[in-house]
């Protein structure tokens, strides 16, 4: 399961999927500031 998660993240990050996906990847990288801005735009 862990390996699958990592592969999925790599695929998403490389292909630059929609903003919500990129924000998820950024959370893992530790860029909370950017993520917060993205989440603000997206009404969750």
PDB file of N, CA and C in Angstrom:
ATOM      1  N   UNK A   1       0.842  -1.200   0.000  1.00  0.00           N
ATOM      2  CA  UNK A   1       0.000   0.000   0.000  1.00  0.00           C
ATOM      3  C   UNK A   1       0.882   1.258   0.000  1.00  0.00           C
ATOM      4  N   UNK A   2       1.914   1.236   0.800  1.00  0.00           N
ATOM      5  CA  UNK A   2       2.796   2.398   0.879  1.00  0.00           C
ATOM      6  C   UNK A   2       3.473   2.651  -0.472  1.00  0.00           C
ATOM      7  N   UNK A   3       3.964   1.579  -1.085  1.00  0.00           N
ATOM      8  CA  UNK A   3       4.642   1.726  -2.377  1.00  0.00           C
ATOM      9  C   UNK A   3       3.671   2.291  -3.410  1.00  0.00           C
ATOM     10  N   UNK A   4       2.441   1.791  -3.376  1.00  0.00           N
ATOM     11  CA  UNK A   4       1.435   2.261  -4.333  1.00  0.00           C
ATOM     12  C   UNK A   4       1.192   3.758  -4.151  1.00  0.00           C
ATOM     13  N   UNK A   5       1.130   4.198  -2.898  1.00  0.00           N
ATOM     14  CA  UNK A   5       0.890   5.613  -2.611  1.00  0.00           C
ATOM     15  C   UNK A   5       2.015   6.469  -3.186  1.00  0.00           C
ATOM     16  N   UNK A   6       3.242   6.034  -2.965  1.00  0.00           N
ATOM     17  CA  UNK A   6       4.394   6.802  -3.447  1.00  0.00           C
ATOM     18  C   UNK A   6       4.358   6.895  -4.965  1.00  0.00           C
ATOM     19  N   UNK A   7       4.107   5.777  -5.621  1.00  0.00           N
ATOM     20  CA  UNK A   7       4.052   5.783  -7.082  1.00  0.00           C
ATOM     21  C   UNK A   7       2.963   6.734  -7.571  1.00  0.00           C
ATOM     22  N   UNK A   8       1.851   6.709  -6.918  1.00  0.00           N
ATOM     23  CA  UNK A   8       0.740   7.571  -7.327  1.00  0.00           C
ATOM     24  C   UNK A   8       1.144   9.040  -7.189  1.00  0.00           C
ATOM     25  N   UNK A   9       1.785   9.387  -6.082  1.00  0.00           N
ATOM     26  CA  UNK A   9       2.209  10.773  -5.874  1.00  0.00           C
ATOM     27  C   UNK A   9       3.197  11.198  -6.949  1.00  0.00           C
ATOM     28  N   UNK A  10       4.165  10.338  -7.245  1.00  0.00           N
ATOM     29  CA  UNK A  10       5.150  10.662  -8.277  1.00  0.00           C
ATOM     30  C   UNK A  10       4.450  10.917  -9.606  1.00  0.00           C
ATOM     31  N   UNK A  11       3.520  10.061  -9.960  1.00  0.00           N
ATOM     32  CA  UNK A  11       2.799  10.201 -11.229  1.00  0.00           C
ATOM     33  C   UNK A  11       2.040  11.524 -11.260  1.00  0.00           C
ATOM     34  N   UNK A  12       1.350  11.823 -10.172  1.00  0.00           N
ATOM     35  CA  UNK A  12       0.562  13.059 -10.120  1.00  0.00           C
ATOM     36  C   UNK A  12       1.484  14.272 -10.230  1.00  0.00           C
ATOM     37  N   UNK A  13       2.567  14.258  -9.481  1.00  0.00           N
ATOM     38  CA  UNK A  13       3.459  15.425  -9.447  1.00  0.00           C
ATOM     39  C   UNK A  13       4.083  15.667 -10.816  1.00  0.00           C
ATOM     40  N   UNK A  14       4.481  14.590 -11.489  1.00  0.00           N
ATOM     41  CA  UNK A  14       5.141  14.732 -12.788  1.00  0.00           C
ATOM     42  C   UNK A  14       4.170  15.229 -13.851  1.00  0.00           C
ATOM     43  N   UNK A  15       2.942  14.782 -13.788  1.00  0.00           N
ATOM     44  CA  UNK A  15       1.977  15.139 -14.832  1.00  0.00           C
ATOM     45  C   UNK A  15       1.242  16.443 -14.541  1.00  0.00           C
ATOM     46  N   UNK A  16       1.504  17.024 -13.348  1.00  0.00           N
ATOM     47  CA  UNK A  16       0.841  18.284 -12.994  1.00  0.00           C
ATOM     48  C   UNK A  16      -0.666  18.174 -13.171  1.00  0.00           C
ATOM     49  N   UNK A  17      -1.266  17.366 -12.336  1.00  0.00           N
ATOM     50  CA  UNK A  17      -2.715  17.182 -12.382  1.00  0.00           C
ATOM     51  C   UNK A  17      -3.417  18.444 -11.858  1.00  0.00           C
ATOM     52  N   UNK A  18      -4.747  18.404 -11.717  1.00  0.00           N
ATOM     53  CA  UNK A  18      -5.485  19.581 -11.232  1.00  0.00           C
ATOM     54  C   UNK A  18      -4.911  20.166  -9.952  1.00  0.00           C
ATOM     55  N   UNK A  19      -5.378  21.354  -9.614  1.00  0.00           N
ATOM     56  CA  UNK A  19      -4.804  22.089  -8.487  1.00  0.00           C
ATOM     57  C   UNK A  19      -4.944  21.294  -7.193  1.00  0.00           C
ATOM     58  N   UNK A  20      -6.109  20.702  -6.968  1.00  0.00           N
ATOM     59  CA  UNK A  20      -6.327  20.004  -5.697  1.00  0.00           C
ATOM     60  C   UNK A  20      -5.332  18.865  -5.536  1.00  0.00           C
ATOM     61  N   UNK A  21      -4.966  18.229  -6.636  1.00  0.00           N
ATOM     62  CA  UNK A  21      -3.989  17.141  -6.536  1.00  0.00           C
ATOM     63  C   UNK A  21      -2.613  17.711  -6.236  1.00  0.00           C
ATOM     64  N   UNK A  22      -2.263  18.806  -6.927  1.00  0.00           N
ATOM     65  CA  UNK A  22      -0.961  19.418  -6.692  1.00  0.00           C
ATOM     66  C   UNK A  22      -0.860  19.900  -5.255  1.00  0.00           C
ATOM     67  N   UNK A  23      -1.952  20.451  -4.714  1.00  0.00           N
ATOM     68  CA  UNK A  23      -1.943  20.921  -3.335  1.00  0.00           C
ATOM     69  C   UNK A  23      -1.661  19.756  -2.397  1.00  0.00           C
ATOM     70  N   UNK A  24      -2.227  18.580  -2.685  1.00  0.00           N
ATOM     71  CA  UNK A  24      -1.992  17.405  -1.842  1.00  0.00           C
ATOM     72  C   UNK A  24      -0.512  17.044  -1.847  1.00  0.00           C
ATOM     73  N   UNK A  25       0.097  17.061  -3.027  1.00  0.00           N
ATOM     74  CA  UNK A  25       1.521  16.744  -3.131  1.00  0.00           C
ATOM     75  C   UNK A  25       2.337  17.768  -2.352  1.00  0.00           C
ATOM     76  N   UNK A  26       1.958  19.030  -2.443  1.00  0.00           N
ATOM     77  CA  UNK A  26       2.716  20.072  -1.755  1.00  0.00           C
ATOM     78  C   UNK A  26       2.650  19.882  -0.248  1.00  0.00           C
ATOM     79  N   UNK A  27       1.527  19.390   0.245  1.00  0.00           N
ATOM     80  CA  UNK A  27       1.408  19.127   1.681  1.00  0.00           C
ATOM     81  C   UNK A  27       2.485  18.139   2.099  1.00  0.00           C
ATOM     82  N   UNK A  28       2.708  17.111   1.294  1.00  0.00           N
ATOM     83  CA  UNK A  28       3.710  16.095   1.619  1.00  0.00           C
ATOM     84  C   UNK A  28       5.097  16.721   1.580  1.00  0.00           C
ATOM     85  N   UNK A  29       5.310  17.674   0.657  1.00  0.00           N
ATOM     86  CA  UNK A  29       6.620  18.311   0.553  1.00  0.00           C
ATOM     87  C   UNK A  29       6.840  19.284   1.705  1.00  0.00           C
ATOM     88  N   UNK A  30       5.758  19.820   2.257  1.00  0.00           N
ATOM     89  CA  UNK A  30       5.889  20.721   3.396  1.00  0.00           C
ATOM     90  C   UNK A  30       5.623  22.169   3.042  1.00  0.00           C
ATOM     91  N   UNK A  31       4.998  22.430   1.898  1.00  0.00           N
ATOM     92  CA  UNK A  31       4.687  23.810   1.533  1.00  0.00           C
ATOM     93  C   UNK A  31       3.248  24.104   1.931  1.00  0.00           C
ATOM     94  N   UNK A  32       3.052  24.352   3.212  1.00  0.00           N
ATOM     95  CA  UNK A  32       1.693  24.573   3.713  1.00  0.00           C
ATOM     96  C   UNK A  32       1.157  25.905   3.203  1.00  0.00           C
ATOM     97  N   UNK A  33       2.032  26.903   3.076  1.00  0.00           N
ATOM     98  CA  UNK A  33       1.582  28.236   2.657  1.00  0.00           C
ATOM     99  C   UNK A  33       0.904  28.170   1.289  1.00  0.00           C
ATOM    100  N   UNK A  34       1.557  27.552   0.326  1.00  0.00           N
ATOM    101  CA  UNK A  34       0.981  27.445  -1.016  1.00  0.00           C
ATOM    102  C   UNK A  34      -0.317  26.652  -0.979  1.00  0.00           C
ATOM    103  N   UNK A  35      -0.322  25.593  -0.206  1.00  0.00           N
ATOM    104  CA  UNK A  35      -1.515  24.752  -0.123  1.00  0.00           C
ATOM    105  C   UNK A  35      -2.687  25.569   0.403  1.00  0.00           C
ATOM    106  N   UNK A  36      -2.435  26.401   1.398  1.00  0.00           N
ATOM    107  CA  UNK A  36      -3.511  27.185   1.992  1.00  0.00           C
ATOM    108  C   UNK A  36      -4.133  28.097   0.937  1.00  0.00           C
ATOM    109  N   UNK A  37      -3.311  28.727   0.128  1.00  0.00           N
ATOM    110  CA  UNK A  37      -3.843  29.604  -0.915  1.00  0.00           C
ATOM    111  C   UNK A  37      -4.700  28.813  -1.885  1.00  0.00           C
ATOM    112  N   UNK A  38      -4.231  27.644  -2.284  1.00  0.00           N
ATOM    113  CA  UNK A  38      -4.984  26.825  -3.231  1.00  0.00           C
ATOM    114  C   UNK A  38      -6.318  26.390  -2.628  1.00  0.00           C
ATOM    115  N   UNK A  39      -6.275  25.990  -1.367  1.00  0.00           N
ATOM    116  CA  UNK A  39      -7.508  25.535  -0.720  1.00  0.00           C
ATOM    117  C   UNK A  39      -8.505  26.691  -0.611  1.00  0.00           C
ATOM    118  N   UNK A  40      -7.995  27.902  -0.430  1.00  0.00           N
ATOM    119  CA  UNK A  40      -8.878  29.062  -0.337  1.00  0.00           C
ATOM    120  C   UNK A  40      -9.682  29.203  -1.627  1.00  0.00           C
ATOM    121  N   UNK A  41      -9.015  29.008  -2.748  1.00  0.00           N
ATOM    122  CA  UNK A  41      -9.697  29.134  -4.033  1.00  0.00           C
ATOM    123  C   UNK A  41     -10.736  28.015  -4.191  1.00  0.00           C
ATOM    124  N   UNK A  42     -10.357  26.828  -3.765  1.00  0.00           N
ATOM    125  CA  UNK A  42     -11.264  25.684  -3.912  1.00  0.00           C
ATOM    126  C   UNK A  42     -12.208  25.583  -2.718  1.00  0.00           C
ATOM    127  N   UNK A  43     -13.502  25.757  -2.917  1.00  0.00           N
ATOM    128  CA  UNK A  43     -14.464  25.643  -1.809  1.00  0.00           C
ATOM    129  C   UNK A  43     -14.608  24.204  -1.339  1.00  0.00           C
ATOM    130  N   UNK A  44     -13.951  23.879  -0.268  1.00  0.00           N
ATOM    131  CA  UNK A  44     -14.035  22.524   0.272  1.00  0.00           C
ATOM    132  C   UNK A  44     -15.080  22.548   1.367  1.00  0.00           C
TER     133      UNK A  44
END
